[in-house]
Amino acid sequence: MSRIGKRPVAIPSDLKVEISGDEVTFSKGKLSEVLDTHGNVKVELSDGNLIFSPLSEERQHRAYWGTYRSLAENIVVGVTKGYEKRLEINGVGYRAAIKGKNLEMQLGHSHPIVFPVPAGIQIAVDKNTISVKGANKQQVGQVSADIRSFRPPEPYKGKGVKYADERIIRKAGKTAKK
């Protein structure tokens, strides 16, 4: 039995949920997300809660039971509150700025790095902090990882782009023999 799958997903009163066949649509204002269960789980809406259950005791259906419940909960949180990841830029001369619909970064390369901001994502820059916000948890995480991958933090001086809550374990540099 899936412990995660058993728990119902609470639906806020201002969130509209529609179930049609294998698709569950969550919408609030202009934001709308769709969860396609591909016929692996049964979804019911009762008393303001979404209840998930496997179609049968088949291994595949039980495997997807908790997964789709977690995806639905992530969509509910994303559409109502949204997700945010913060990245910090450390290094002399390292900086970032928003220019139109692009994030332009100077990260010690011979050229500026221009990152186009995907649809559904808002990026804000404040001094040496980049804030990535959006309704889709997976997309926010992927965009943050893509930005970090341009210059990951190095362990000697800690220069690079790191998550705000990430801790860089520093290494000692070379020492001269006496």
Protein backbone atom coordinates (compact mmCIF):
# COMPACT_ATOMS: atom_id res chain seq x y z
CA MET A 1 0.00 0.00 0.00
CA SER A 2 1.17 3.47 -0.82
CA ARG A 3 1.25 5.69 2.25
CA ILE A 4 1.46 8.78 0.07
CA GLY A 5 -1.30 7.65 -2.29
CA LYS A 6 -3.77 7.10 0.57
CA ARG A 7 -3.71 10.74 1.69
CA PRO A 8 -6.28 12.98 -0.05
CA VAL A 9 -5.23 16.23 -1.73
CA ALA A 10 -7.06 19.23 -0.24
CA ILE A 11 -8.41 21.59 -2.88
CA PRO A 12 -8.69 25.30 -1.89
CA SER A 13 -12.08 26.92 -2.52
CA ASP A 14 -10.75 29.31 -5.18
CA LEU A 15 -9.22 26.48 -7.29
CA LYS A 16 -11.37 24.93 -10.00
CA VAL A 17 -10.85 21.20 -10.65
CA GLU A 18 -12.32 19.27 -13.59
CA ILE A 19 -11.97 15.52 -14.11
CA SER A 20 -12.58 14.23 -17.63
CA GLY A 21 -11.48 10.69 -18.38
CA ASP A 22 -7.75 10.37 -17.66
CA GLU A 23 -7.15 14.13 -17.37
CA VAL A 24 -7.48 16.32 -14.28
CA THR A 25 -7.45 20.07 -14.99
CA PHE A 26 -6.58 22.57 -12.26
CA SER A 27 -7.29 26.24 -13.00
CA LYS A 28 -7.21 29.51 -11.08
CA GLY A 29 -7.58 32.74 -13.00
CA LYS A 30 -5.20 32.61 -15.97
CA LEU A 31 -3.11 29.71 -14.57
CA SER A 32 -4.07 26.23 -15.72
CA GLU A 33 -2.28 22.89 -15.35
CA VAL A 34 -3.28 19.45 -16.62
CA LEU A 35 -2.43 16.09 -15.03
CA ASP A 36 -2.80 13.11 -17.40
CA THR A 37 -2.95 9.82 -15.47
CA HIS A 38 -2.67 7.68 -18.64
CA GLY A 39 -5.33 5.33 -17.24
CA ASN A 40 -3.17 4.09 -14.35
CA VAL A 41 -5.13 5.49 -11.39
CA LYS A 42 -8.70 6.42 -10.56
CA VAL A 43 -9.32 10.02 -9.45
CA GLU A 44 -12.41 11.17 -7.54
CA LEU A 45 -13.41 14.58 -6.22
CA SER A 46 -15.38 14.52 -2.95
CA ASP A 47 -15.88 17.16 -0.24
CA GLY A 48 -13.15 19.45 -1.61
CA ASN A 49 -10.56 16.65 -1.70
CA LEU A 50 -9.03 14.70 -4.56
CA ILE A 51 -8.83 11.01 -3.77
CA PHE A 52 -6.53 8.72 -5.73
CA SER A 53 -6.78 4.93 -5.92
CA PRO A 54 -5.14 2.30 -8.14
CA LEU A 55 -7.32 0.79 -10.88
CA SER A 56 -6.32 -2.72 -9.82
CA GLU A 57 -3.74 -4.51 -7.72
CA GLU A 58 -1.50 -4.75 -10.79
CA ARG A 59 2.08 -3.69 -10.03
CA GLN A 60 2.06 -0.85 -12.60
CA HIS A 61 -1.12 0.69 -11.19
CA ARG A 62 0.13 0.55 -7.61
CA ALA A 63 3.47 2.07 -8.69
CA TYR A 64 1.79 5.13 -10.21
CA TRP A 65 -0.72 5.62 -7.38
CA GLY A 66 1.51 7.71 -5.08
CA THR A 67 3.30 9.37 -8.00
CA TYR A 68 0.17 10.91 -9.50
CA ARG A 69 -1.06 11.97 -6.06
CA SER A 70 2.24 13.81 -5.44
CA LEU A 71 2.11 15.41 -8.90
CA ALA A 72 -1.46 16.61 -8.20
CA GLU A 73 -0.42 18.09 -4.86
CA ASN A 74 2.53 19.88 -6.53
CA ILE A 75 0.16 21.34 -9.14
CA VAL A 76 -2.26 22.55 -6.44
CA VAL A 77 0.57 24.27 -4.52
CA GLY A 78 2.06 25.69 -7.74
CA VAL A 79 -1.20 27.16 -9.02
CA THR A 80 -2.20 28.63 -5.64
CA LYS A 81 1.13 29.76 -4.09
CA GLY A 82 3.79 29.16 -6.74
CA TYR A 83 7.35 27.91 -6.40
CA GLU A 84 10.56 29.89 -6.03
CA LYS A 85 14.25 29.03 -6.13
CA ARG A 86 16.97 31.54 -5.29
CA LEU A 87 20.49 31.44 -6.71
CA GLU A 88 23.48 33.44 -5.53
CA ILE A 89 26.33 34.64 -7.70
CA ASN A 90 29.74 34.73 -5.98
CA GLY A 91 32.89 36.02 -7.66
CA VAL A 92 34.67 39.22 -8.61
CA GLY A 93 33.08 40.67 -11.75
CA TYR A 94 30.30 38.07 -11.80
CA ARG A 95 26.90 39.69 -12.35
CA ALA A 96 23.50 39.17 -13.92
CA ALA A 97 20.81 41.42 -15.40
CA ILE A 98 17.46 41.04 -17.13
CA LYS A 99 17.48 42.46 -20.67
CA GLY A 100 14.09 42.13 -22.35
CA LYS A 101 13.07 38.47 -22.15
CA ASN A 102 16.63 37.26 -21.56
CA LEU A 103 18.82 36.80 -18.51
CA GLU A 104 22.30 38.10 -19.33
CA MET A 105 25.14 36.92 -17.08
CA GLN A 106 28.85 37.73 -16.84
CA LEU A 107 30.42 34.67 -15.22
CA GLY A 108 34.12 34.93 -16.03
CA HIS A 109 33.86 33.62 -19.58
CA SER A 110 35.13 35.58 -22.57
CA HIS A 111 31.55 36.34 -23.57
CA PRO A 112 28.29 37.14 -21.79
CA ILE A 113 25.88 34.24 -21.35
CA VAL A 114 22.39 34.99 -22.65
CA PHE A 115 19.67 32.73 -21.24
CA PRO A 116 16.18 33.07 -22.76
CA VAL A 117 13.50 33.02 -20.05
CA PRO A 118 11.01 30.21 -20.81
CA ALA A 119 7.24 30.80 -20.85
CA GLY A 120 5.62 30.42 -17.43
CA ILE A 121 8.78 31.46 -15.55
CA GLN A 122 9.57 34.85 -14.00
CA ILE A 123 13.17 35.73 -13.23
CA ALA A 124 14.17 38.69 -11.05
CA VAL A 125 17.71 39.86 -10.29
CA ASP A 126 18.63 41.79 -7.14
CA LYS A 127 22.35 42.54 -6.73
CA ASN A 128 23.95 39.08 -6.65
CA THR A 129 20.73 37.05 -6.23
CA ILE A 130 18.65 35.51 -9.01
CA SER A 131 15.07 34.57 -8.14
CA VAL A 132 13.29 32.01 -10.35
CA LYS A 133 9.49 31.81 -9.86
CA GLY A 134 6.75 29.80 -11.51
CA ALA A 135 3.73 27.53 -11.07
CA ASN A 136 5.37 24.32 -12.32
CA LYS A 137 7.75 22.82 -9.74
CA GLN A 138 9.66 20.74 -12.30
CA GLN A 139 10.14 23.70 -14.65
CA VAL A 140 11.34 26.03 -11.86
CA GLY A 141 13.86 23.41 -10.72
CA GLN A 142 15.09 22.73 -14.27
CA VAL A 143 15.56 26.43 -15.10
CA SER A 144 17.44 26.92 -11.82
CA ALA A 145 19.68 23.93 -12.57
CA ASP A 146 20.33 25.24 -16.11
CA ILE A 147 21.39 28.67 -14.76
CA ARG A 148 23.62 27.03 -12.12
CA SER A 149 25.25 24.81 -14.76
CA PHE A 150 26.77 27.83 -16.56
CA ARG A 151 29.30 28.24 -13.69
CA PRO A 152 28.86 25.73 -10.83
CA PRO A 153 30.56 26.74 -7.58
CA GLU A 154 34.14 25.60 -7.26
CA PRO A 155 35.44 24.23 -3.94
CA TYR A 156 38.59 26.38 -3.51
CA LYS A 157 37.28 29.96 -3.52
CA GLY A 158 33.54 29.27 -3.77
CA LYS A 159 33.18 31.27 -6.99
CA GLY A 160 30.22 30.50 -9.24
CA VAL A 161 26.44 30.22 -9.15
CA LYS A 162 24.95 28.31 -6.21
CA TYR A 163 21.54 27.79 -4.67
CA ALA A 164 20.86 30.17 -1.76
CA ASP A 165 20.51 27.28 0.70
CA GLU A 166 23.43 25.27 -0.72
CA ARG A 167 26.56 24.88 1.39
CA ILE A 168 29.86 24.65 -0.47
CA ILE A 169 32.43 22.48 1.29
CA ARG A 170 35.72 24.29 0.84
CA LYS A 171 39.03 22.55 0.16
CA ALA A 172 42.42 23.72 1.28
CA GLY A 173 44.69 24.91 -1.51
CA LYS A 174 48.25 23.79 -2.15
CA THR A 175 50.77 24.45 0.57
CA ALA A 176 54.52 25.02 0.10
CA LYS A 177 57.01 22.61 1.64
CA LYS A 178 59.47 23.95 4.20
